[in-house]
PDB file of N, CA and C in Angstrom:
ATOM      1  N   VAL A   1     148.631  72.969 198.164  1.00  0.00           N
ATOM      2  CA  VAL A   1     147.670  73.111 197.233  1.00  0.00           C
ATOM      3  C   VAL A   1     148.337  74.000 195.953  1.00  0.00           C
ATOM      4  N   MET A   2     149.222  74.825 196.376  1.00  0.00           N
ATOM      5  CA  MET A   2     149.923  75.577 195.238  1.00  0.00           C
ATOM      6  C   MET A   2     150.878  74.782 194.330  1.00  0.00           C
ATOM      7  N   ALA A   3     151.498  73.729 195.097  1.00  0.00           N
ATOM      8  CA  ALA A   3     152.300  72.946 194.520  1.00  0.00           C
ATOM      9  C   ALA A   3     151.567  71.880 193.477  1.00  0.00           C
ATOM     10  N   MET A   4     150.450  71.497 194.100  1.00  0.00           N
ATOM     11  CA  MET A   4     149.581  70.769 193.230  1.00  0.00           C
ATOM     12  C   MET A   4     149.142  71.364 191.884  1.00  0.00           C
ATOM     13  N   ALA A   5     148.763  72.563 192.077  1.00  0.00           N
ATOM     14  CA  ALA A   5     148.229  73.423 190.942  1.00  0.00           C
ATOM     15  C   ALA A   5     149.553  73.656 190.069  1.00  0.00           C
ATOM     16  N   ALA A   6     150.791  73.933 190.336  1.00  0.00           N
ATOM     17  CA  ALA A   6     151.845  74.226 189.727  1.00  0.00           C
ATOM     18  C   ALA A   6     152.017  72.697 188.842  1.00  0.00           C
ATOM     19  N   LEU A   7     152.100  71.709 189.463  1.00  0.00           N
ATOM     20  CA  LEU A   7     152.326  70.569 188.817  1.00  0.00           C
ATOM     21  C   LEU A   7     151.218  70.284 187.858  1.00  0.00           C
ATOM     22  N   LEU A   8     150.030  70.401 188.072  1.00  0.00           N
ATOM     23  CA  LEU A   8     149.033  70.273 186.926  1.00  0.00           C
ATOM     24  C   LEU A   8     149.162  71.292 185.864  1.00  0.00           C
ATOM     25  N   ALA A   9     149.580  72.489 186.048  1.00  0.00           N
ATOM     26  CA  ALA A   9     149.876  73.289 185.033  1.00  0.00           C
ATOM     27  C   ALA A   9     151.086  72.823 184.188  1.00  0.00           C
ATOM     28  N   SER A  10     152.002  72.380 184.712  1.00  0.00           N
ATOM     29  CA  SER A  10     153.292  72.037 184.020  1.00  0.00           C
ATOM     30  C   SER A  10     152.953  71.039 183.129  1.00  0.00           C
ATOM     31  N   ALA A  11     151.960  70.026 183.361  1.00  0.00           N
ATOM     32  CA  ALA A  11     151.591  68.905 182.582  1.00  0.00           C
ATOM     33  C   ALA A  11     150.757  69.440 181.552  1.00  0.00           C
ATOM     34  N   ALA A  12     149.713  70.416 181.777  1.00  0.00           N
ATOM     35  CA  ALA A  12     148.641  70.865 180.998  1.00  0.00           C
ATOM     36  C   ALA A  12     149.276  71.708 179.766  1.00  0.00           C
ATOM     37  N   VAL A  13     150.088  72.557 180.091  1.00  0.00           N
ATOM     38  CA  VAL A  13     150.670  73.561 179.087  1.00  0.00           C
ATOM     39  C   VAL A  13     151.286  72.850 177.945  1.00  0.00           C
ATOM     40  N   PRO A  14     152.094  72.075 177.965  1.00  0.00           N
ATOM     41  CA  PRO A  14     152.647  71.299 176.810  1.00  0.00           C
ATOM     42  C   PRO A  14     151.633  70.555 175.937  1.00  0.00           C
ATOM     43  N   ALA A  15     150.669  69.914 176.584  1.00  0.00           N
ATOM     44  CA  ALA A  15     149.528  69.194 176.107  1.00  0.00           C
ATOM     45  C   ALA A  15     148.582  70.069 175.176  1.00  0.00           C
ATOM     46  N   LEU A  16     148.396  71.300 175.764  1.00  0.00           N
ATOM     47  CA  LEU A  16     147.721  72.410 175.059  1.00  0.00           C
ATOM     48  C   LEU A  16     148.356  72.853 173.948  1.00  0.00           C
ATOM     49  N   GLN A  17     149.677  73.184 174.066  1.00  0.00           N
ATOM     50  CA  GLN A  17     150.624  73.641 172.972  1.00  0.00           C
ATOM     51  C   GLN A  17     150.576  72.687 171.757  1.00  0.00           C
ATOM     52  N   GLY A  18     150.761  71.371 172.163  1.00  0.00           N
ATOM     53  CA  GLY A  18     150.839  70.418 171.113  1.00  0.00           C
ATOM     54  C   GLY A  18     149.322  70.334 170.300  1.00  0.00           C
ATOM     55  N   ALA A  19     148.175  70.302 171.111  1.00  0.00           N
ATOM     56  CA  ALA A  19     146.896  70.250 170.424  1.00  0.00           C
ATOM     57  C   ALA A  19     146.889  71.547 169.530  1.00  0.00           C
ATOM     58  N   LEU A  20     147.209  72.791 170.001  1.00  0.00           N
ATOM     59  CA  LEU A  20     147.350  73.786 169.039  1.00  0.00           C
ATOM     60  C   LEU A  20     148.022  73.879 167.747  1.00  0.00           C
ATOM     61  N   LEU A  21     149.227  73.120 167.875  1.00  0.00           N
ATOM     62  CA  LEU A  21     149.958  73.044 166.777  1.00  0.00           C
ATOM     63  C   LEU A  21     149.418  71.985 165.774  1.00  0.00           C
ATOM     64  N   LYS A  22     149.079  70.844 166.298  1.00  0.00           N
ATOM     65  CA  LYS A  22     148.204  70.038 165.528  1.00  0.00           C
ATOM     66  C   LYS A  22     146.986  70.313 165.016  1.00  0.00           C
ATOM     67  N   GLY A  23     146.254  71.281 165.509  1.00  0.00           N
ATOM     68  CA  GLY A  23     145.196  71.840 165.200  1.00  0.00           C
ATOM     69  C   GLY A  23     145.318  72.862 163.909  1.00  0.00           C
ATOM     70  N   ARG A  24     146.555  73.388 163.747  1.00  0.00           N
ATOM     71  CA  ARG A  24     146.769  74.291 162.870  1.00  0.00           C
ATOM     72  C   ARG A  24     147.357  73.663 161.484  1.00  0.00           C
ATOM     73  N   ARG A  25     147.670  72.375 161.589  1.00  0.00           N
ATOM     74  CA  ARG A  25     148.166  71.449 160.392  1.00  0.00           C
ATOM     75  C   ARG A  25     147.114  71.572 159.066  1.00  0.00           C
ATOM     76  N   PRO A  26     145.733  71.606 159.371  1.00  0.00           N
ATOM     77  CA  PRO A  26     144.731  71.601 158.342  1.00  0.00           C
ATOM     78  C   PRO A  26     144.923  72.861 157.276  1.00  0.00           C
ATOM     79  N   GLU A  27     145.774  73.901 157.851  1.00  0.00           N
ATOM     80  CA  GLU A  27     145.881  75.102 157.117  1.00  0.00           C
ATOM     81  C   GLU A  27     146.814  74.588 155.891  1.00  0.00           C
ATOM     82  N   ALA A  28     148.086  73.942 156.282  1.00  0.00           N
ATOM     83  CA  ALA A  28     148.879  73.361 155.240  1.00  0.00           C
ATOM     84  C   ALA A  28     148.039  72.364 154.388  1.00  0.00           C
ATOM     85  N   PHE A  29     147.296  71.419 154.907  1.00  0.00           N
ATOM     86  CA  PHE A  29     146.688  70.378 154.156  1.00  0.00           C
ATOM     87  C   PHE A  29     145.785  70.994 153.107  1.00  0.00           C
ATOM     88  N   HIS A  30     145.036  72.087 153.552  1.00  0.00           N
ATOM     89  CA  HIS A  30     144.133  72.782 152.619  1.00  0.00           C
ATOM     90  C   HIS A  30     145.046  73.499 151.479  1.00  0.00           C
ATOM     91  N   ALA A  31     146.098  74.061 151.762  1.00  0.00           N
ATOM     92  CA  ALA A  31     146.945  74.621 150.909  1.00  0.00           C
ATOM     93  C   ALA A  31     147.496  73.537 149.812  1.00  0.00           C
ATOM     94  N   LEU A  32     147.978  72.362 150.327  1.00  0.00           N
ATOM     95  CA  LEU A  32     148.613  71.589 149.502  1.00  0.00           C
ATOM     96  C   LEU A  32     147.567  70.917 148.622  1.00  0.00           C
ATOM     97  N   ALA A  33     146.325  70.813 149.200  1.00  0.00           N
ATOM     98  CA  ALA A  33     145.260  70.102 148.358  1.00  0.00           C
ATOM     99  C   ALA A  33     145.041  70.769 147.164  1.00  0.00           C
ATOM    100  N   ALA A  34     145.003  72.152 147.214  1.00  0.00           N
ATOM    101  CA  ALA A  34     144.897  72.980 146.096  1.00  0.00           C
ATOM    102  C   ALA A  34     145.801  72.784 144.998  1.00  0.00           C
ATOM    103  N   LEU A  35     147.050  72.347 145.249  1.00  0.00           N
ATOM    104  CA  LEU A  35     148.317  72.321 144.276  1.00  0.00           C
ATOM    105  C   LEU A  35     147.984  71.154 143.049  1.00  0.00           C
ATOM    106  N   PRO A  36     147.644  70.099 143.423  1.00  0.00           N
ATOM    107  CA  PRO A  36     147.453  69.030 142.317  1.00  0.00           C
ATOM    108  C   PRO A  36     146.577  69.571 141.281  1.00  0.00           C
ATOM    109  N   LEU A  37     145.263  70.346 141.619  1.00  0.00           N
ATOM    110  CA  LEU A  37     144.497  70.718 140.510  1.00  0.00           C
ATOM    111  C   LEU A  37     145.189  71.832 139.516  1.00  0.00           C
ATOM    112  N   ALA A  38     145.903  72.642 140.260  1.00  0.00           N
ATOM    113  CA  ALA A  38     146.617  73.707 139.721  1.00  0.00           C
ATOM    114  C   ALA A  38     147.916  73.158 138.939  1.00  0.00           C
ATOM    115  N   GLN A  39     148.405  72.082 139.343  1.00  0.00           N
ATOM    116  CA  GLN A  39     149.495  71.459 138.518  1.00  0.00           C
ATOM    117  C   GLN A  39     149.047  70.832 137.491  1.00  0.00           C
ATOM    118  N   GLU A  40     147.829  70.080 137.392  1.00  0.00           N
ATOM    119  CA  GLU A  40     147.061  69.462 136.355  1.00  0.00           C
ATOM    120  C   GLU A  40     146.643  70.460 135.307  1.00  0.00           C
ATOM    121  N   ARG A  41     146.247  71.601 135.709  1.00  0.00           N
ATOM    122  CA  ARG A  41     145.892  72.610 134.855  1.00  0.00           C
ATOM    123  C   ARG A  41     147.069  73.304 134.122  1.00  0.00           C
ATOM    124  N   TRP A  42     148.192  73.245 134.681  1.00  0.00           N
ATOM    125  CA  TRP A  42     149.427  73.699 134.118  1.00  0.00           C
ATOM    126  C   TRP A  42     149.859  72.616 133.190  1.00  0.00           C
ATOM    127  N   ARG A  43     150.004  71.475 133.482  1.00  0.00           N
ATOM    128  CA  ARG A  43     150.349  70.182 132.748  1.00  0.00           C
ATOM    129  C   ARG A  43     149.705  70.056 131.354  1.00  0.00           C
ATOM    130  N   ALA A  44     148.406  70.504 131.444  1.00  0.00           N
ATOM    131  CA  ALA A  44     147.520  70.257 130.329  1.00  0.00           C
ATOM    132  C   ALA A  44     147.972  71.228 129.102  1.00  0.00           C
ATOM    133  N   GLU A  45     148.783  72.174 129.407  1.00  0.00           N
ATOM    134  CA  GLU A  45     149.249  73.197 128.393  1.00  0.00           C
ATOM    135  C   GLU A  45     150.754  73.233 128.261  1.00  0.00           C
ATOM    136  N   HIS A  46     151.465  72.354 129.058  1.00  0.00           N
ATOM    137  CA  HIS A  46     153.055  72.448 129.150  1.00  0.00           C
ATOM    138  C   HIS A  46     153.489  71.010 128.961  1.00  0.00           C
ATOM    139  N   ARG A  47     154.804  70.888 128.719  1.00  0.00           N
ATOM    140  CA  ARG A  47     155.389  69.563 128.677  1.00  0.00           C
ATOM    141  C   ARG A  47     155.723  68.896 130.144  1.00  0.00           C
ATOM    142  N   ASP A  48     156.027  69.775 130.981  1.00  0.00           N
ATOM    143  CA  ASP A  48     156.371  69.533 132.415  1.00  0.00           C
ATOM    144  C   ASP A  48     155.389  70.101 133.234  1.00  0.00           C
ATOM    145  N   TYR A  49     155.380  69.470 134.516  1.00  0.00           N
ATOM    146  CA  TYR A  49     154.632  70.169 135.566  1.00  0.00           C
ATOM    147  C   TYR A  49     155.349  71.433 135.907  1.00  0.00           C
ATOM    148  N   ALA A  50     154.673  72.392 136.792  1.00  0.00           N
ATOM    149  CA  ALA A  50     155.315  73.637 137.046  1.00  0.00           C
ATOM    150  C   ALA A  50     156.130  73.413 138.093  1.00  0.00           C
ATOM    151  N   ALA A  51     157.517  74.330 137.804  1.00  0.00           N
ATOM    152  CA  ALA A  51     158.418  74.101 138.703  1.00  0.00           C
ATOM    153  C   ALA A  51     158.335  75.220 139.844  1.00  0.00           C
ATOM    154  N   SER A  52     157.436  76.079 139.715  1.00  0.00           N
ATOM    155  CA  SER A  52     157.543  77.180 140.693  1.00  0.00           C
ATOM    156  C   SER A  52     155.931  77.444 141.019  1.00  0.00           C
ATOM    157  N   LEU A  53     155.732  77.985 142.201  1.00  0.00           N
ATOM    158  CA  LEU A  53     154.421  78.488 142.576  1.00  0.00           C
ATOM    159  C   LEU A  53     153.869  79.647 141.794  1.00  0.00           C
ATOM    160  N   GLY A  54     154.991  80.314 141.443  1.00  0.00           N
ATOM    161  CA  GLY A  54     154.626  81.659 140.622  1.00  0.00           C
ATOM    162  C   GLY A  54     153.901  81.256 139.266  1.00  0.00           C
ATOM    163  N   ASP A  55     154.524  80.144 138.562  1.00  0.00           N
ATOM    164  CA  ASP A  55     153.859  79.574 137.328  1.00  0.00           C
ATOM    165  C   ASP A  55     152.415  79.244 137.530  1.00  0.00           C
ATOM    166  N   LEU A  56     152.134  78.763 138.705  1.00  0.00           N
ATOM    167  CA  LEU A  56     150.818  78.286 139.037  1.00  0.00           C
ATOM    168  C   LEU A  56     149.793  79.385 139.490  1.00  0.00           C
ATOM    169  N   GLY A  57     150.393  80.454 139.845  1.00  0.00           N
ATOM    170  CA  GLY A  57     149.682  81.821 140.364  1.00  0.00           C
ATOM    171  C   GLY A  57     149.093  81.381 141.811  1.00  0.00           C
ATOM    172  N   VAL A  58     149.952  80.652 142.600  1.00  0.00           N
ATOM    173  CA  VAL A  58     149.658  80.227 143.924  1.00  0.00           C
ATOM    174  C   VAL A  58     150.507  81.085 144.837  1.00  0.00           C
ATOM    175  N   PRO A  59     150.018  81.753 145.993  1.00  0.00           N
ATOM    176  CA  PRO A  59     150.966  82.452 146.806  1.00  0.00           C
ATOM    177  C   PRO A  59     151.902  81.468 147.586  1.00  0.00           C
ATOM    178  N   ALA A  60     152.997  82.045 148.064  1.00  0.00           N
ATOM    179  CA  ALA A  60     153.970  81.180 148.664  1.00  0.00           C
ATOM    180  C   ALA A  60     153.796  80.995 150.140  1.00  0.00           C
ATOM    181  N   GLN A  61     152.678  81.505 150.748  1.00  0.00           N
ATOM    182  CA  GLN A  61     152.459  81.381 152.163  1.00  0.00           C
ATOM    183  C   GLN A  61     150.944  81.030 152.207  1.00  0.00           C
ATOM    184  N   THR A  62     150.695  80.229 153.413  1.00  0.00           N
ATOM    185  CA  THR A  62     149.313  80.063 153.641  1.00  0.00           C
ATOM    186  C   THR A  62     148.649  81.363 154.088  1.00  0.00           C
ATOM    187  N   PRO A  63     147.397  81.678 154.286  1.00  0.00           N
ATOM    188  CA  PRO A  63     146.842  82.871 154.722  1.00  0.00           C
ATOM    189  C   PRO A  63     147.196  83.495 156.115  1.00  0.00           C
ATOM    190  N   SER A  64     147.544  82.507 156.995  1.00  0.00           N
ATOM    191  CA  SER A  64     148.042  83.119 158.258  1.00  0.00           C
ATOM    192  C   SER A  64     149.602  83.280 158.424  1.00  0.00           C
ATOM    193  N   GLY A  65     150.240  82.550 157.348  1.00  0.00           N
ATOM    194  CA  GLY A  65     151.641  82.818 157.365  1.00  0.00           C
ATOM    195  C   GLY A  65     152.342  81.689 158.177  1.00  0.00           C
ATOM    196  N   ARG A  66     151.538  80.702 158.698  1.00  0.00           N
ATOM    197  CA  ARG A  66     152.230  79.612 159.432  1.00  0.00           C
ATOM    198  C   ARG A  66     152.972  78.631 158.696  1.00  0.00           C
ATOM    199  N   TYR A  67     152.733  78.625 157.308  1.00  0.00           N
ATOM    200  CA  TYR A  67     153.286  77.638 156.461  1.00  0.00           C
ATOM    201  C   TYR A  67     153.900  78.524 155.296  1.00  0.00           C
ATOM    202  N   THR A  68     155.095  78.176 154.765  1.00  0.00           N
ATOM    203  CA  THR A  68     155.356  78.565 153.433  1.00  0.00           C
ATOM    204  C   THR A  68     155.323  77.287 152.389  1.00  0.00           C
ATOM    205  N   LEU A  69     155.018  77.589 151.184  1.00  0.00           N
ATOM    206  CA  LEU A  69     154.689  76.665 150.109  1.00  0.00           C
ATOM    207  C   LEU A  69     155.859  76.685 149.136  1.00  0.00           C
ATOM    208  N   GLN A  70     156.112  75.495 148.510  1.00  0.00           N
ATOM    209  CA  GLN A  70     157.258  75.520 147.751  1.00  0.00           C
ATOM    210  C   GLN A  70     157.002  74.253 146.709  1.00  0.00           C
ATOM    211  N   VAL A  71     157.475  74.532 145.529  1.00  0.00           N
ATOM    212  CA  VAL A  71     157.562  73.188 144.549  1.00  0.00           C
ATOM    213  C   VAL A  71     159.099  72.724 144.762  1.00  0.00           C
ATOM    214  N   LEU A  72     159.319  71.419 145.271  1.00  0.00           N
ATOM    215  CA  LEU A  72     160.561  71.074 145.488  1.00  0.00           C
ATOM    216  C   LEU A  72     161.130  70.530 144.251  1.00  0.00           C
ATOM    217  N   ALA A  73     160.352  69.830 143.563  1.00  0.00           N
ATOM    218  CA  ALA A  73     160.741  69.073 142.214  1.00  0.00           C
ATOM    219  C   ALA A  73     159.551  69.222 141.164  1.00  0.00           C
ATOM    220  N   ALA A  74     159.904  69.194 139.870  1.00  0.00           N
ATOM    221  CA  ALA A  74     158.916  68.947 139.030  1.00  0.00           C
ATOM    222  C   ALA A  74     159.423  68.475 137.510  1.00  0.00           C
ATOM    223  N   ASP A  75     158.827  67.684 136.931  1.00  0.00           N
ATOM    224  CA  ASP A  75     159.134  67.289 135.565  1.00  0.00           C
ATOM    225  C   ASP A  75     157.962  66.726 134.825  1.00  0.00           C
ATOM    226  N   ALA A  76     158.128  66.133 133.675  1.00  0.00           N
ATOM    227  CA  ALA A  76     157.126  65.633 132.982  1.00  0.00           C
ATOM    228  C   ALA A  76     156.325  64.375 133.679  1.00  0.00           C
ATOM    229  N   ASP A  77     157.008  63.665 134.542  1.00  0.00           N
ATOM    230  CA  ASP A  77     156.318  62.639 135.269  1.00  0.00           C
ATOM    231  C   ASP A  77     155.650  62.803 136.623  1.00  0.00           C
ATOM    232  N   GLY A  78     155.955  63.934 137.174  1.00  0.00           N
ATOM    233  CA  GLY A  78     155.508  64.229 138.469  1.00  0.00           C
ATOM    234  C   GLY A  78     156.057  65.579 139.029  1.00  0.00           C
ATOM    235  N   TYR A  79     155.811  65.633 140.372  1.00  0.00           N
ATOM    236  CA  TYR A  79     156.215  66.733 141.212  1.00  0.00           C
ATOM    237  C   TYR A  79     155.994  66.493 142.634  1.00  0.00           C
ATOM    238  N   THR A  80     156.848  67.413 143.441  1.00  0.00           N
ATOM    239  CA  THR A  80     156.788  67.345 144.950  1.00  0.00           C
ATOM    240  C   THR A  80     156.622  68.748 145.419  1.00  0.00           C
ATOM    241  N   VAL A  81     155.685  69.043 146.167  1.00  0.00           N
ATOM    242  CA  VAL A  81     155.356  70.243 146.759  1.00  0.00           C
ATOM    243  C   VAL A  81     155.242  69.957 148.154  1.00  0.00           C
ATOM    244  N   GLN A  82     155.709  71.119 149.062  1.00  0.00           N
ATOM    245  CA  GLN A  82     155.806  71.253 150.336  1.00  0.00           C
ATOM    246  C   GLN A  82     155.240  72.276 151.110  1.00  0.00           C
ATOM    247  N   ALA A  83     154.771  72.138 152.230  1.00  0.00           N
ATOM    248  CA  ALA A  83     154.443  73.211 153.246  1.00  0.00           C
ATOM    249  C   ALA A  83     155.332  73.021 154.365  1.00  0.00           C
ATOM    250  N   ARG A  84     156.118  73.985 154.574  1.00  0.00           N
ATOM    251  CA  ARG A  84     157.059  74.109 155.708  1.00  0.00           C
ATOM    252  C   ARG A  84     156.607  75.013 156.865  1.00  0.00           C
ATOM    253  N   ALA A  85     156.481  74.376 158.021  1.00  0.00           N
ATOM    254  CA  ALA A  85     156.161  75.376 159.232  1.00  0.00           C
ATOM    255  C   ALA A  85     156.896  76.518 159.462  1.00  0.00           C
ATOM    256  N   THR A  86     156.470  77.624 159.892  1.00  0.00           N
ATOM    257  CA  THR A  86     157.268  78.923 160.052  1.00  0.00           C
ATOM    258  C   THR A  86     156.748  79.492 161.385  1.00  0.00           C
ATOM    259  N   GLY A  87     157.616  80.377 161.919  1.00  0.00           N
ATOM    260  CA  GLY A  87     157.194  81.194 163.117  1.00  0.00           C
ATOM    261  C   GLY A  87     156.791  80.165 164.252  1.00  0.00           C
ATOM    262  N   ALA A  88     155.951  80.345 165.012  1.00  0.00           N
ATOM    263  CA  ALA A  88     155.523  79.575 166.263  1.00  0.00           C
ATOM    264  C   ALA A  88     155.221  78.188 165.791  1.00  0.00           C
ATOM    265  N   GLN A  89     154.769  77.856 164.607  1.00  0.00           N
ATOM    266  CA  GLN A  89     154.288  76.550 164.111  1.00  0.00           C
ATOM    267  C   GLN A  89     155.614  75.793 163.982  1.00  0.00           C
ATOM    268  N   GLN A  90     156.857  76.268 163.915  1.00  0.00           N
ATOM    269  CA  GLN A  90     158.103  75.363 163.906  1.00  0.00           C
ATOM    270  C   GLN A  90     158.060  74.437 165.096  1.00  0.00           C
ATOM    271  N   ARG A  91     157.497  74.817 166.112  1.00  0.00           N
ATOM    272  CA  ARG A  91     157.569  73.917 167.342  1.00  0.00           C
ATOM    273  C   ARG A  91     156.797  72.576 167.117  1.00  0.00           C
ATOM    274  N   ASP A  92     156.049  72.482 165.883  1.00  0.00           N
ATOM    275  CA  ASP A  92     155.616  71.198 165.480  1.00  0.00           C
ATOM    276  C   ASP A  92     156.703  70.382 164.868  1.00  0.00           C
ATOM    277  N   THR A  93     157.606  70.095 165.635  1.00  0.00           N
ATOM    278  CA  THR A  93     158.828  69.462 165.171  1.00  0.00           C
ATOM    279  C   THR A  93     158.748  68.141 164.186  1.00  0.00           C
ATOM    280  N   ASP A  94     157.862  67.339 164.738  1.00  0.00           N
ATOM    281  CA  ASP A  94     157.748  66.132 164.054  1.00  0.00           C
ATOM    282  C   ASP A  94     157.089  66.172 162.596  1.00  0.00           C
ATOM    283  N   CYS A  95     156.344  67.363 162.472  1.00  0.00           N
ATOM    284  CA  CYS A  95     155.534  67.586 161.185  1.00  0.00           C
ATOM    285  C   CYS A  95     156.030  68.836 160.688  1.00  0.00           C
ATOM    286  N   ALA A  96     157.198  69.279 160.659  1.00  0.00           N
ATOM    287  CA  ALA A  96     157.706  70.532 160.255  1.00  0.00           C
ATOM    288  C   ALA A  96     157.433  70.772 158.798  1.00  0.00           C
ATOM    289  N   MET A  97     157.674  69.735 157.998  1.00  0.00           N
ATOM    290  CA  MET A  97     157.472  69.740 156.576  1.00  0.00           C
ATOM    291  C   MET A  97     156.305  68.836 156.022  1.00  0.00           C
ATOM    292  N   LEU A  98     155.381  69.182 155.508  1.00  0.00           N
ATOM    293  CA  LEU A  98     154.213  68.389 154.968  1.00  0.00           C
ATOM    294  C   LEU A  98     154.298  68.295 153.432  1.00  0.00           C
ATOM    295  N   ARG A  99     154.308  67.252 152.806  1.00  0.00           N
ATOM    296  CA  ARG A  99     154.700  67.049 151.429  1.00  0.00           C
ATOM    297  C   ARG A  99     153.479  66.252 150.626  1.00  0.00           C
ATOM    298  N   VAL A 100     153.364  66.672 149.437  1.00  0.00           N
ATOM    299  CA  VAL A 100     152.557  65.746 148.506  1.00  0.00           C
ATOM    300  C   VAL A 100     153.402  65.465 147.349  1.00  0.00           C
ATOM    301  N   VAL A 101     153.633  64.153 147.015  1.00  0.00           N
ATOM    302  CA  VAL A 101     154.376  63.626 145.883  1.00  0.00           C
ATOM    303  C   VAL A 101     153.556  62.945 144.972  1.00  0.00           C
ATOM    304  N   VAL A 102     153.712  63.461 143.717  1.00  0.00           N
ATOM    305  CA  VAL A 102     153.049  62.805 142.596  1.00  0.00           C
ATOM    306  C   VAL A 102     154.045  62.264 141.607  1.00  0.00           C
ATOM    307  N   ALA A 103     153.996  60.980 141.403  1.00  0.00           N
ATOM    308  CA  ALA A 103     154.914  60.240 140.675  1.00  0.00           C
ATOM    309  C   ALA A 103     154.254  59.146 139.997  1.00  0.00           C
ATOM    310  N   GLY A 104     154.439  58.864 138.642  1.00  0.00           N
ATOM    311  CA  GLY A 104     153.935  57.970 137.908  1.00  0.00           C
ATOM    312  C   GLY A 104     152.422  57.777 138.106  1.00  0.00           C
ATOM    313  N   GLY A 105     151.673  58.904 138.144  1.00  0.00           N
ATOM    314  CA  GLY A 105     150.195  58.855 138.132  1.00  0.00           C
ATOM    315  C   GLY A 105     149.841  58.533 139.598  1.00  0.00           C
ATOM    316  N   ALA A 106     150.640  58.342 140.613  1.00  0.00           N
ATOM    317  CA  ALA A 106     150.077  57.998 141.914  1.00  0.00           C
ATOM    318  C   ALA A 106     150.489  59.134 142.844  1.00  0.00           C
ATOM    319  N   MET A 107     149.685  59.422 143.754  1.00  0.00           N
ATOM    320  CA  MET A 107     149.835  60.428 144.771  1.00  0.00           C
ATOM    321  C   MET A 107     150.058  60.011 146.232  1.00  0.00           C
ATOM    322  N   ARG A 108     151.015  60.654 147.062  1.00  0.00           N
ATOM    323  CA  ARG A 108     151.151  60.041 148.347  1.00  0.00           C
ATOM    324  C   ARG A 108     151.566  61.375 149.148  1.00  0.00           C
ATOM    325  N   ALA A 109     151.230  61.245 150.516  1.00  0.00           N
ATOM    326  CA  ALA A 109     151.339  62.369 151.262  1.00  0.00           C
ATOM    327  C   ALA A 109     152.672  61.895 152.254  1.00  0.00           C
ATOM    328  N   GLU A 110     153.438  62.880 152.623  1.00  0.00           N
ATOM    329  CA  GLU A 110     154.661  62.493 153.471  1.00  0.00           C
ATOM    330  C   GLU A 110     154.835  63.687 154.415  1.00  0.00           C
ATOM    331  N   ALA A 111     155.415  63.311 155.407  1.00  0.00           N
ATOM    332  CA  ALA A 111     155.899  64.365 156.541  1.00  0.00           C
ATOM    333  C   ALA A 111     157.453  64.218 156.875  1.00  0.00           C
ATOM    334  N   VAL A 112     158.030  65.214 157.155  1.00  0.00           N
ATOM    335  CA  VAL A 112     159.369  65.318 157.542  1.00  0.00           C
ATOM    336  C   VAL A 112     159.571  66.215 158.735  1.00  0.00           C
ATOM    337  N   GLY A 113     160.420  65.550 159.699  1.00  0.00           N
ATOM    338  CA  GLY A 113     160.509  66.548 160.760  1.00  0.00           C
ATOM    339  C   GLY A 113     161.455  67.490 160.767  1.00  0.00           C
ATOM    340  N   ALA A 114     161.551  68.427 161.650  1.00  0.00           N
ATOM    341  CA  ALA A 114     162.713  69.627 161.576  1.00  0.00           C
ATOM    342  C   ALA A 114     164.035  69.120 161.397  1.00  0.00           C
ATOM    343  N   ASP A 115     164.353  67.782 161.810  1.00  0.00           N
ATOM    344  CA  ASP A 115     165.692  67.202 161.918  1.00  0.00           C
ATOM    345  C   ASP A 115     165.864  66.613 160.454  1.00  0.00           C
ATOM    346  N   GLY A 116     164.896  66.669 159.555  1.00  0.00           N
ATOM    347  CA  GLY A 116     165.173  66.334 158.079  1.00  0.00           C
ATOM    348  C   GLY A 116     164.732  64.932 157.815  1.00  0.00           C
ATOM    349  N   THR A 117     164.302  64.208 158.845  1.00  0.00           N
ATOM    350  CA  THR A 117     164.050  62.804 158.729  1.00  0.00           C
ATOM    351  C   THR A 117     162.553  62.506 158.684  1.00  0.00           C
ATOM    352  N   GLY A 118     161.985  61.433 158.201  1.00  0.00           N
ATOM    353  CA  GLY A 118     160.556  61.161 158.127  1.00  0.00           C
ATOM    354  C   GLY A 118     160.574  59.667 157.826  1.00  0.00           C
ATOM    355  N   SER A 119     159.307  59.083 158.132  1.00  0.00           N
ATOM    356  CA  SER A 119     159.036  57.840 157.980  1.00  0.00           C
ATOM    357  C   SER A 119     157.510  57.664 157.562  1.00  0.00           C
ATOM    358  N   GLU A 120     157.260  56.474 157.098  1.00  0.00           N
ATOM    359  CA  GLU A 120     155.893  56.298 156.705  1.00  0.00           C
ATOM    360  C   GLU A 120     154.881  56.393 158.003  1.00  0.00           C
ATOM    361  N   ALA A 121     155.216  55.902 159.141  1.00  0.00           N
ATOM    362  CA  ALA A 121     154.578  56.037 160.334  1.00  0.00           C
ATOM    363  C   ALA A 121     154.374  57.512 160.730  1.00  0.00           C
ATOM    364  N   GLN A 122     155.390  58.219 160.511  1.00  0.00           N
ATOM    365  CA  GLN A 122     155.393  59.799 160.792  1.00  0.00           C
ATOM    366  C   GLN A 122     154.393  60.479 159.939  1.00  0.00           C
ATOM    367  N   GLY A 123     154.448  59.953 158.717  1.00  0.00           N
ATOM    368  CA  GLY A 123     153.526  60.627 157.592  1.00  0.00           C
ATOM    369  C   GLY A 123     152.066  60.417 158.037  1.00  0.00           C
ATOM    370  N   ARG A 124     151.897  59.308 158.435  1.00  0.00           N
ATOM    371  CA  ARG A 124     150.527  58.967 158.915  1.00  0.00           C
ATOM    372  C   ARG A 124     149.922  59.753 160.115  1.00  0.00           C
ATOM    373  N   ARG A 125     150.941  59.798 161.012  1.00  0.00           N
ATOM    374  CA  ARG A 125     150.639  60.587 162.265  1.00  0.00           C
ATOM    375  C   ARG A 125     150.359  62.067 161.929  1.00  0.00           C
ATOM    376  N   CYS A 126     151.245  62.688 161.078  1.00  0.00           N
ATOM    377  CA  CYS A 126     150.971  64.109 160.903  1.00  0.00           C
ATOM    378  C   CYS A 126     149.767  64.275 159.887  1.00  0.00           C
ATOM    379  N   TRP A 127     149.565  63.492 158.888  1.00  0.00           N
ATOM    380  CA  TRP A 127     148.472  63.654 157.909  1.00  0.00           C
ATOM    381  C   TRP A 127     146.964  63.281 158.582  1.00  0.00           C
ATOM    382  N   LEU A 128     147.102  62.197 159.310  1.00  0.00           N
ATOM    383  CA  LEU A 128     145.781  61.717 159.881  1.00  0.00           C
ATOM    384  C   LEU A 128     145.465  62.364 161.181  1.00  0.00           C
ATOM    385  N   GLN A 129     146.494  63.040 161.700  1.00  0.00           N
ATOM    386  CA  GLN A 129     146.075  63.799 163.046  1.00  0.00           C
ATOM    387  C   GLN A 129     145.547  62.795 164.123  1.00  0.00           C
TER     388      GLN A 129
END
């Protein structure tokens, strides 16, 4: 009986941890969703999109601190913003970096794993949950 309980627990704990990590991603989504509006307000008064969160008046962390936010690139045609998992959330290795890319008037969501690689399918998994 004890062996069976240990076996069940060993299977349940990783599944629970995965669900918790996945359940915390909306915090990054929410933070990233606020950035396009802030960027458009900035762009209305400047030649380029803002190259820093400070220009936008946006904090560099989500409220819980599970993600750090950063403008990776910005110019007159678009920008890339990222939420990077920190602390315990870094165990969400497939979705370690969630990005919004605006280029040529189009917006897309991306995800990059802790290993620095990403794919369209990975992006869908991370963003669509």
